[in-house]
Amino acid sequence: HAGEVPRVAREVSGGFRQGLGTLGA
């Protein structure tokens, strides 16, 4: 899954921003 690291990084970053928006820090 080394080739999927960029995709996973984008999903993690997007999920983190969404979590901050809904739950707050």
mmCIF file of all heavy atoms, coordinates in Angstrom:
data_MODEL
# 
_entry.id   MODEL 
# 
loop_
_atom_site.group_PDB 
_atom_site.id 
_atom_site.type_symbol 
_atom_site.label_atom_id 
_atom_site.label_alt_id 
_atom_site.label_comp_id 
_atom_site.label_asym_id 
_atom_site.label_entity_id 
_atom_site.label_seq_id 
_atom_site.pdbx_PDB_ins_code 
_atom_site.Cartn_x 
_atom_site.Cartn_y 
_atom_site.Cartn_z 
_atom_site.occupancy 
_atom_site.B_iso_or_equiv 
_atom_site.pdbx_formal_charge 
_atom_site.auth_seq_id 
_atom_site.auth_comp_id 
_atom_site.auth_asym_id 
_atom_site.auth_atom_id 
_atom_site.pdbx_PDB_model_num 
ATOM 1   N N   . HIS A 1 1  ? 0.814   -1.220 0.000  1.00 0.00 ? 1  HIS A N   1 
ATOM 2   C CA  . HIS A 1 1  ? 0.000   0.000  0.000  1.00 0.00 ? 1  HIS A CA  1 
ATOM 3   C C   . HIS A 1 1  ? 0.847   1.269  0.000  1.00 0.00 ? 1  HIS A C   1 
ATOM 4   O O   . HIS A 1 1  ? 0.344   2.359  0.275  1.00 0.00 ? 1  HIS A O   1 
ATOM 5   C CB  . HIS A 1 1  ? -0.921  0.017  1.219  1.00 0.00 ? 1  HIS A CB  1 
ATOM 6   C CG  . HIS A 1 1  ? -2.120  -0.868 1.063  1.00 0.00 ? 1  HIS A CG  1 
ATOM 7   N ND1 . HIS A 1 1  ? -2.027  -2.229 1.030  1.00 0.00 ? 1  HIS A ND1 1 
ATOM 8   C CD2 . HIS A 1 1  ? -3.444  -0.573 0.898  1.00 0.00 ? 1  HIS A CD2 1 
ATOM 9   C CE1 . HIS A 1 1  ? -3.236  -2.753 0.882  1.00 0.00 ? 1  HIS A CE1 1 
ATOM 10  N NE2 . HIS A 1 1  ? -4.113  -1.771 0.792  1.00 0.00 ? 1  HIS A NE2 1 
ATOM 11  N N   . ALA A 1 2  ? 2.138   1.100  -0.316 1.00 0.00 ? 2  ALA A N   1 
ATOM 12  C CA  . ALA A 1 2  ? 3.015   2.277  -0.334 1.00 0.00 ? 2  ALA A CA  1 
ATOM 13  C C   . ALA A 1 2  ? 2.539   3.309  -1.353 1.00 0.00 ? 2  ALA A C   1 
ATOM 14  O O   . ALA A 1 2  ? 2.627   4.529  -1.120 1.00 0.00 ? 2  ALA A O   1 
ATOM 15  C CB  . ALA A 1 2  ? 4.449   1.858  -0.636 1.00 0.00 ? 2  ALA A CB  1 
ATOM 16  N N   . GLY A 1 3  ? 2.016   2.832  -2.479 1.00 0.00 ? 3  GLY A N   1 
ATOM 17  C CA  . GLY A 1 3  ? 1.542   3.756  -3.504 1.00 0.00 ? 3  GLY A CA  1 
ATOM 18  C C   . GLY A 1 3  ? 0.289   4.519  -3.105 1.00 0.00 ? 3  GLY A C   1 
ATOM 19  O O   . GLY A 1 3  ? -0.064  5.521  -3.753 1.00 0.00 ? 3  GLY A O   1 
ATOM 20  N N   . GLU A 1 4  ? -0.412  4.056  -2.073 1.00 0.00 ? 4  GLU A N   1 
ATOM 21  C CA  . GLU A 1 4  ? -1.645  4.718  -1.654 1.00 0.00 ? 4  GLU A CA  1 
ATOM 22  C C   . GLU A 1 4  ? -1.429  5.718  -0.526 1.00 0.00 ? 4  GLU A C   1 
ATOM 23  O O   . GLU A 1 4  ? -2.392  6.287  -0.012 1.00 0.00 ? 4  GLU A O   1 
ATOM 24  C CB  . GLU A 1 4  ? -2.668  3.666  -1.198 1.00 0.00 ? 4  GLU A CB  1 
ATOM 25  C CG  . GLU A 1 4  ? -3.063  2.693  -2.302 1.00 0.00 ? 4  GLU A CG  1 
ATOM 26  C CD  . GLU A 1 4  ? -4.149  1.735  -1.838 1.00 0.00 ? 4  GLU A CD  1 
ATOM 27  O OE1 . GLU A 1 4  ? -4.942  2.121  -0.965 1.00 0.00 ? 4  GLU A OE1 1 
ATOM 28  O OE2 . GLU A 1 4  ? -4.186  0.600  -2.341 1.00 0.00 ? 4  GLU A OE2 1 
ATOM 29  N N   . VAL A 1 5  ? -0.165  5.905  -0.152 1.00 0.00 ? 5  VAL A N   1 
ATOM 30  C CA  . VAL A 1 5  ? 0.114   6.836  0.948  1.00 0.00 ? 5  VAL A CA  1 
ATOM 31  C C   . VAL A 1 5  ? -0.401  8.242  0.645  1.00 0.00 ? 5  VAL A C   1 
ATOM 32  O O   . VAL A 1 5  ? -1.013  8.887  1.513  1.00 0.00 ? 5  VAL A O   1 
ATOM 33  C CB  . VAL A 1 5  ? 1.624   6.844  1.269  1.00 0.00 ? 5  VAL A CB  1 
ATOM 34  C CG1 . VAL A 1 5  ? 1.967   7.989  2.236  1.00 0.00 ? 5  VAL A CG1 1 
ATOM 35  C CG2 . VAL A 1 5  ? 2.039   5.510  1.869  1.00 0.00 ? 5  VAL A CG2 1 
ATOM 36  N N   . PRO A 1 6  ? -0.197  8.787  -0.585 1.00 0.00 ? 6  PRO A N   1 
ATOM 37  C CA  . PRO A 1 6  ? -0.741  10.132 -0.863 1.00 0.00 ? 6  PRO A CA  1 
ATOM 38  C C   . PRO A 1 6  ? -2.267  10.197 -0.677 1.00 0.00 ? 6  PRO A C   1 
ATOM 39  O O   . PRO A 1 6  ? -2.792  11.165 -0.118 1.00 0.00 ? 6  PRO A O   1 
ATOM 40  C CB  . PRO A 1 6  ? -0.337  10.395 -2.315 1.00 0.00 ? 6  PRO A CB  1 
ATOM 41  C CG  . PRO A 1 6  ? 0.883   9.540  -2.508 1.00 0.00 ? 6  PRO A CG  1 
ATOM 42  C CD  . PRO A 1 6  ? 0.623   8.304  -1.710 1.00 0.00 ? 6  PRO A CD  1 
ATOM 43  N N   . ARG A 1 7  ? -2.981  9.168  -1.177 1.00 0.00 ? 7  ARG A N   1 
ATOM 44  C CA  . ARG A 1 7  ? -4.435  9.155  -1.010 1.00 0.00 ? 7  ARG A CA  1 
ATOM 45  C C   . ARG A 1 7  ? -4.833  9.129  0.455  1.00 0.00 ? 7  ARG A C   1 
ATOM 46  O O   . ARG A 1 7  ? -5.716  9.880  0.892  1.00 0.00 ? 7  ARG A O   1 
ATOM 47  C CB  . ARG A 1 7  ? -5.033  7.934  -1.722 1.00 0.00 ? 7  ARG A CB  1 
ATOM 48  C CG  . ARG A 1 7  ? -6.534  7.753  -1.461 1.00 0.00 ? 7  ARG A CG  1 
ATOM 49  C CD  . ARG A 1 7  ? -7.050  6.427  -1.986 1.00 0.00 ? 7  ARG A CD  1 
ATOM 50  N NE  . ARG A 1 7  ? -6.427  5.275  -1.345 1.00 0.00 ? 7  ARG A NE  1 
ATOM 51  C CZ  . ARG A 1 7  ? -6.774  4.825  -0.139 1.00 0.00 ? 7  ARG A CZ  1 
ATOM 52  N NH1 . ARG A 1 7  ? -7.720  5.433  0.583  1.00 0.00 ? 7  ARG A NH1 1 
ATOM 53  N NH2 . ARG A 1 7  ? -6.165  3.769  0.363  1.00 0.00 ? 7  ARG A NH2 1 
ATOM 54  N N   . VAL A 1 8  ? -4.171  8.265  1.211  1.00 0.00 ? 8  VAL A N   1 
ATOM 55  C CA  . VAL A 1 8  ? -4.491  8.150  2.633  1.00 0.00 ? 8  VAL A CA  1 
ATOM 56  C C   . VAL A 1 8  ? -4.171  9.453  3.349  1.00 0.00 ? 8  VAL A C   1 
ATOM 57  O O   . VAL A 1 8  ? -4.925  9.894  4.231  1.00 0.00 ? 8  VAL A O   1 
ATOM 58  C CB  . VAL A 1 8  ? -3.716  6.972  3.261  1.00 0.00 ? 8  VAL A CB  1 
ATOM 59  C CG1 . VAL A 1 8  ? -3.909  6.948  4.775  1.00 0.00 ? 8  VAL A CG1 1 
ATOM 60  C CG2 . VAL A 1 8  ? -4.163  5.650  2.647  1.00 0.00 ? 8  VAL A CG2 1 
ATOM 61  N N   . ALA A 1 9  ? -3.064  10.099 2.951  1.00 0.00 ? 9  ALA A N   1 
ATOM 62  C CA  . ALA A 1 9  ? -2.691  11.373 3.577  1.00 0.00 ? 9  ALA A CA  1 
ATOM 63  C C   . ALA A 1 9  ? -3.768  12.422 3.333  1.00 0.00 ? 9  ALA A C   1 
ATOM 64  O O   . ALA A 1 9  ? -4.113  13.202 4.241  1.00 0.00 ? 9  ALA A O   1 
ATOM 65  C CB  . ALA A 1 9  ? -1.346  11.847 3.049  1.00 0.00 ? 9  ALA A CB  1 
ATOM 66  N N   . ARG A 1 10 ? -4.307  12.441 2.102  1.00 0.00 ? 10 ARG A N   1 
ATOM 67  C CA  . ARG A 1 10 ? -5.377  13.402 1.799  1.00 0.00 ? 10 ARG A CA  1 
ATOM 68  C C   . ARG A 1 10 ? -6.628  13.096 2.620  1.00 0.00 ? 10 ARG A C   1 
ATOM 69  O O   . ARG A 1 10 ? -7.293  14.001 3.136  1.00 0.00 ? 10 ARG A O   1 
ATOM 70  C CB  . ARG A 1 10 ? -5.692  13.383 0.301  1.00 0.00 ? 10 ARG A CB  1 
ATOM 71  C CG  . ARG A 1 10 ? -4.622  14.007 -0.576 1.00 0.00 ? 10 ARG A CG  1 
ATOM 72  C CD  . ARG A 1 10 ? -5.139  14.234 -1.993 1.00 0.00 ? 10 ARG A CD  1 
ATOM 73  N NE  . ARG A 1 10 ? -5.528  12.974 -2.637 1.00 0.00 ? 10 ARG A NE  1 
ATOM 74  C CZ  . ARG A 1 10 ? -4.692  12.199 -3.326 1.00 0.00 ? 10 ARG A CZ  1 
ATOM 75  N NH1 . ARG A 1 10 ? -3.417  12.550 -3.444 1.00 0.00 ? 10 ARG A NH1 1 
ATOM 76  N NH2 . ARG A 1 10 ? -5.124  11.094 -3.904 1.00 0.00 ? 10 ARG A NH2 1 
ATOM 77  N N   . GLU A 1 11 ? -6.963  11.794 2.758  1.00 0.00 ? 11 GLU A N   1 
ATOM 78  C CA  . GLU A 1 11 ? -8.149  11.412 3.533  1.00 0.00 ? 11 GLU A CA  1 
ATOM 79  C C   . GLU A 1 11 ? -7.983  11.765 5.014  1.00 0.00 ? 11 GLU A C   1 
ATOM 80  O O   . GLU A 1 11 ? -8.929  12.229 5.661  1.00 0.00 ? 11 GLU A O   1 
ATOM 81  C CB  . GLU A 1 11 ? -8.410  9.913  3.378  1.00 0.00 ? 11 GLU A CB  1 
ATOM 82  C CG  . GLU A 1 11 ? -8.883  9.514  1.988  1.00 0.00 ? 11 GLU A CG  1 
ATOM 83  C CD  . GLU A 1 11 ? -9.112  8.012  1.878  1.00 0.00 ? 11 GLU A CD  1 
ATOM 84  O OE1 . GLU A 1 11 ? -8.823  7.300  2.864  1.00 0.00 ? 11 GLU A OE1 1 
ATOM 85  O OE2 . GLU A 1 11 ? -9.578  7.560  0.814  1.00 0.00 ? 11 GLU A OE2 1 
ATOM 86  N N   . VAL A 1 12 ? -6.784  11.541 5.532  1.00 0.00 ? 12 VAL A N   1 
ATOM 87  C CA  . VAL A 1 12 ? -6.530  11.867 6.938  1.00 0.00 ? 12 VAL A CA  1 
ATOM 88  C C   . VAL A 1 12 ? -6.637  13.370 7.151  1.00 0.00 ? 12 VAL A C   1 
ATOM 89  O O   . VAL A 1 12 ? -7.252  13.841 8.124  1.00 0.00 ? 12 VAL A O   1 
ATOM 90  C CB  . VAL A 1 12 ? -5.136  11.349 7.370  1.00 0.00 ? 12 VAL A CB  1 
ATOM 91  C CG1 . VAL A 1 12 ? -4.741  11.921 8.729  1.00 0.00 ? 12 VAL A CG1 1 
ATOM 92  C CG2 . VAL A 1 12 ? -5.127  9.830  7.410  1.00 0.00 ? 12 VAL A CG2 1 
ATOM 93  N N   . SER A 1 13 ? -6.043  14.140 6.245  1.00 0.00 ? 13 SER A N   1 
ATOM 94  C CA  . SER A 1 13 ? -6.094  15.601 6.374  1.00 0.00 ? 13 SER A CA  1 
ATOM 95  C C   . SER A 1 13 ? -7.528  16.104 6.267  1.00 0.00 ? 13 SER A C   1 
ATOM 96  O O   . SER A 1 13 ? -7.969  16.955 7.056  1.00 0.00 ? 13 SER A O   1 
ATOM 97  C CB  . SER A 1 13 ? -5.222  16.237 5.282  1.00 0.00 ? 13 SER A CB  1 
ATOM 98  O OG  . SER A 1 13 ? -5.297  17.637 5.341  1.00 0.00 ? 13 SER A OG  1 
ATOM 99  N N   . GLY A 1 14 ? -8.285  15.568 5.274  1.00 0.00 ? 14 GLY A N   1 
ATOM 100 C CA  . GLY A 1 14 ? -9.671  15.985 5.126  1.00 0.00 ? 14 GLY A CA  1 
ATOM 101 C C   . GLY A 1 14 ? -10.522 15.581 6.315  1.00 0.00 ? 14 GLY A C   1 
ATOM 102 O O   . GLY A 1 14 ? -11.362 16.359 6.796  1.00 0.00 ? 14 GLY A O   1 
ATOM 103 N N   . GLY A 1 15 ? -10.328 14.367 6.803  1.00 0.00 ? 15 GLY A N   1 
ATOM 104 C CA  . GLY A 1 15 ? -11.082 13.917 7.967  1.00 0.00 ? 15 GLY A CA  1 
ATOM 105 C C   . GLY A 1 15 ? -10.780 14.759 9.198  1.00 0.00 ? 15 GLY A C   1 
ATOM 106 O O   . GLY A 1 15 ? -11.686 15.060 9.995  1.00 0.00 ? 15 GLY A O   1 
ATOM 107 N N   . PHE A 1 16 ? -9.521  15.146 9.352  1.00 0.00 ? 16 PHE A N   1 
ATOM 108 C CA  . PHE A 1 16 ? -9.137  15.959 10.504 1.00 0.00 ? 16 PHE A CA  1 
ATOM 109 C C   . PHE A 1 16 ? -9.819  17.332 10.448 1.00 0.00 ? 16 PHE A C   1 
ATOM 110 O O   . PHE A 1 16 ? -10.339 17.818 11.461 1.00 0.00 ? 16 PHE A O   1 
ATOM 111 C CB  . PHE A 1 16 ? -7.617  16.119 10.523 1.00 0.00 ? 16 PHE A CB  1 
ATOM 112 C CG  . PHE A 1 16 ? -7.095  16.822 11.738 1.00 0.00 ? 16 PHE A CG  1 
ATOM 113 C CD1 . PHE A 1 16 ? -7.049  16.184 12.974 1.00 0.00 ? 16 PHE A CD1 1 
ATOM 114 C CD2 . PHE A 1 16 ? -6.659  18.142 11.649 1.00 0.00 ? 16 PHE A CD2 1 
ATOM 115 C CE1 . PHE A 1 16 ? -6.566  16.844 14.095 1.00 0.00 ? 16 PHE A CE1 1 
ATOM 116 C CE2 . PHE A 1 16 ? -6.181  18.800 12.763 1.00 0.00 ? 16 PHE A CE2 1 
ATOM 117 C CZ  . PHE A 1 16 ? -6.136  18.151 13.992 1.00 0.00 ? 16 PHE A CZ  1 
ATOM 118 N N   . ARG A 1 17 ? -9.828  17.938 9.256  1.00 0.00 ? 17 ARG A N   1 
ATOM 119 C CA  . ARG A 1 17 ? -10.494 19.245 9.121  1.00 0.00 ? 17 ARG A CA  1 
ATOM 120 C C   . ARG A 1 17 ? -11.993 19.123 9.377  1.00 0.00 ? 17 ARG A C   1 
ATOM 121 O O   . ARG A 1 17 ? -12.595 19.977 10.035 1.00 0.00 ? 17 ARG A O   1 
ATOM 122 C CB  . ARG A 1 17 ? -10.232 19.818 7.721  1.00 0.00 ? 17 ARG A CB  1 
ATOM 123 C CG  . ARG A 1 17 ? -8.822  20.335 7.523  1.00 0.00 ? 17 ARG A CG  1 
ATOM 124 C CD  . ARG A 1 17 ? -8.742  21.212 6.278  1.00 0.00 ? 17 ARG A CD  1 
ATOM 125 N NE  . ARG A 1 17 ? -9.075  20.438 5.082  1.00 0.00 ? 17 ARG A NE  1 
ATOM 126 C CZ  . ARG A 1 17 ? -8.172  19.761 4.359  1.00 0.00 ? 17 ARG A CZ  1 
ATOM 127 N NH1 . ARG A 1 17 ? -6.897  19.782 4.723  1.00 0.00 ? 17 ARG A NH1 1 
ATOM 128 N NH2 . ARG A 1 17 ? -8.538  19.086 3.290  1.00 0.00 ? 17 ARG A NH2 1 
ATOM 129 N N   . GLN A 1 18 ? -12.593 18.050 8.846  1.00 0.00 ? 18 GLN A N   1 
ATOM 130 C CA  . GLN A 1 18 ? -14.027 17.853 9.064  1.00 0.00 ? 18 GLN A CA  1 
ATOM 131 C C   . GLN A 1 18 ? -14.325 17.621 10.549 1.00 0.00 ? 18 GLN A C   1 
ATOM 132 O O   . GLN A 1 18 ? -15.307 18.123 11.086 1.00 0.00 ? 18 GLN A O   1 
ATOM 133 C CB  . GLN A 1 18 ? -14.514 16.669 8.239  1.00 0.00 ? 18 GLN A CB  1 
ATOM 134 C CG  . GLN A 1 18 ? -16.027 16.437 8.345  1.00 0.00 ? 18 GLN A CG  1 
ATOM 135 C CD  . GLN A 1 18 ? -16.489 15.265 7.495  1.00 0.00 ? 18 GLN A CD  1 
ATOM 136 O OE1 . GLN A 1 18 ? -15.686 14.639 6.814  1.00 0.00 ? 18 GLN A OE1 1 
ATOM 137 N NE2 . GLN A 1 18 ? -17.782 14.963 7.540  1.00 0.00 ? 18 GLN A NE2 1 
ATOM 138 N N   . GLY A 1 19 ? -13.471 16.826 11.231 1.00 0.00 ? 19 GLY A N   1 
ATOM 139 C CA  . GLY A 1 19 ? -13.653 16.581 12.661 1.00 0.00 ? 19 GLY A CA  1 
ATOM 140 C C   . GLY A 1 19 ? -13.548 17.856 13.468 1.00 0.00 ? 19 GLY A C   1 
ATOM 141 O O   . GLY A 1 19 ? -14.327 18.082 14.412 1.00 0.00 ? 19 GLY A O   1 
ATOM 142 N N   . LEU A 1 20 ? -12.605 18.721 13.099 1.00 0.00 ? 20 LEU A N   1 
ATOM 143 C CA  . LEU A 1 20 ? -12.469 20.001 13.799 1.00 0.00 ? 20 LEU A CA  1 
ATOM 144 C C   . LEU A 1 20 ? -13.710 20.862 13.599 1.00 0.00 ? 20 LEU A C   1 
ATOM 145 O O   . LEU A 1 20 ? -14.168 21.560 14.514 1.00 0.00 ? 20 LEU A O   1 
ATOM 146 C CB  . LEU A 1 20 ? -11.232 20.748 13.294 1.00 0.00 ? 20 LEU A CB  1 
ATOM 147 C CG  . LEU A 1 20 ? -9.871  20.285 13.807 1.00 0.00 ? 20 LEU A CG  1 
ATOM 148 C CD1 . LEU A 1 20 ? -8.752  21.072 13.127 1.00 0.00 ? 20 LEU A CD1 1 
ATOM 149 C CD2 . LEU A 1 20 ? -9.793  20.475 15.321 1.00 0.00 ? 20 LEU A CD2 1 
ATOM 150 N N   . GLY A 1 21 ? -14.270 20.777 12.375 1.00 0.00 ? 21 GLY A N   1 
ATOM 151 C CA  . GLY A 1 21 ? -15.446 21.582 12.091 1.00 0.00 ? 21 GLY A CA  1 
ATOM 152 C C   . GLY A 1 21 ? -16.682 21.127 12.850 1.00 0.00 ? 21 GLY A C   1 
ATOM 153 O O   . GLY A 1 21 ? -17.513 21.948 13.255 1.00 0.00 ? 21 GLY A O   1 
ATOM 154 N N   . THR A 1 22 ? -16.827 19.813 13.037 1.00 0.00 ? 22 THR A N   1 
ATOM 155 C CA  . THR A 1 22 ? -18.033 19.291 13.693 1.00 0.00 ? 22 THR A CA  1 
ATOM 156 C C   . THR A 1 22 ? -17.890 19.161 15.210 1.00 0.00 ? 22 THR A C   1 
ATOM 157 O O   . THR A 1 22 ? -18.842 19.416 15.953 1.00 0.00 ? 22 THR A O   1 
ATOM 158 C CB  . THR A 1 22 ? -18.390 17.914 13.114 1.00 0.00 ? 22 THR A CB  1 
ATOM 159 O OG1 . THR A 1 22 ? -17.263 17.039 13.244 1.00 0.00 ? 22 THR A OG1 1 
ATOM 160 C CG2 . THR A 1 22 ? -18.773 18.036 11.641 1.00 0.00 ? 22 THR A CG2 1 
ATOM 161 N N   . LEU A 1 23 ? -16.711 18.757 15.677 1.00 0.00 ? 23 LEU A N   1 
ATOM 162 C CA  . LEU A 1 23 ? -16.524 18.513 17.115 1.00 0.00 ? 23 LEU A CA  1 
ATOM 163 C C   . LEU A 1 23 ? -15.733 19.611 17.811 1.00 0.00 ? 23 LEU A C   1 
ATOM 164 O O   . LEU A 1 23 ? -15.824 19.757 19.040 1.00 0.00 ? 23 LEU A O   1 
ATOM 165 C CB  . LEU A 1 23 ? -15.795 17.168 17.337 1.00 0.00 ? 23 LEU A CB  1 
ATOM 166 C CG  . LEU A 1 23 ? -16.498 15.908 16.842 1.00 0.00 ? 23 LEU A CG  1 
ATOM 167 C CD1 . LEU A 1 23 ? -15.613 14.684 17.063 1.00 0.00 ? 23 LEU A CD1 1 
ATOM 168 C CD2 . LEU A 1 23 ? -17.829 15.721 17.565 1.00 0.00 ? 23 LEU A CD2 1 
ATOM 169 N N   . GLY A 1 24 ? -14.967 20.360 17.019 1.00 0.00 ? 24 GLY A N   1 
ATOM 170 C CA  . GLY A 1 24 ? -14.073 21.331 17.636 1.00 0.00 ? 24 GLY A CA  1 
ATOM 171 C C   . GLY A 1 24 ? -12.803 20.653 18.124 1.00 0.00 ? 24 GLY A C   1 
ATOM 172 O O   . GLY A 1 24 ? -12.717 19.427 18.216 1.00 0.00 ? 24 GLY A O   1 
ATOM 173 N N   . ALA A 1 25 ? -11.797 21.452 18.443 1.00 0.00 ? 25 ALA A N   1 
ATOM 174 C CA  . ALA A 1 25 ? -10.505 20.909 18.864 1.00 0.00 ? 25 ALA A CA  1 
ATOM 175 C C   . ALA A 1 25 ? -10.632 20.088 20.145 1.00 0.00 ? 25 ALA A C   1 
ATOM 176 O O   . ALA A 1 25 ? -10.056 19.004 20.267 1.00 0.00 ? 25 ALA A O   1 
ATOM 177 C CB  . ALA A 1 25 ? -9.499  22.045 19.055 1.00 0.00 ? 25 ALA A CB  1 
# 
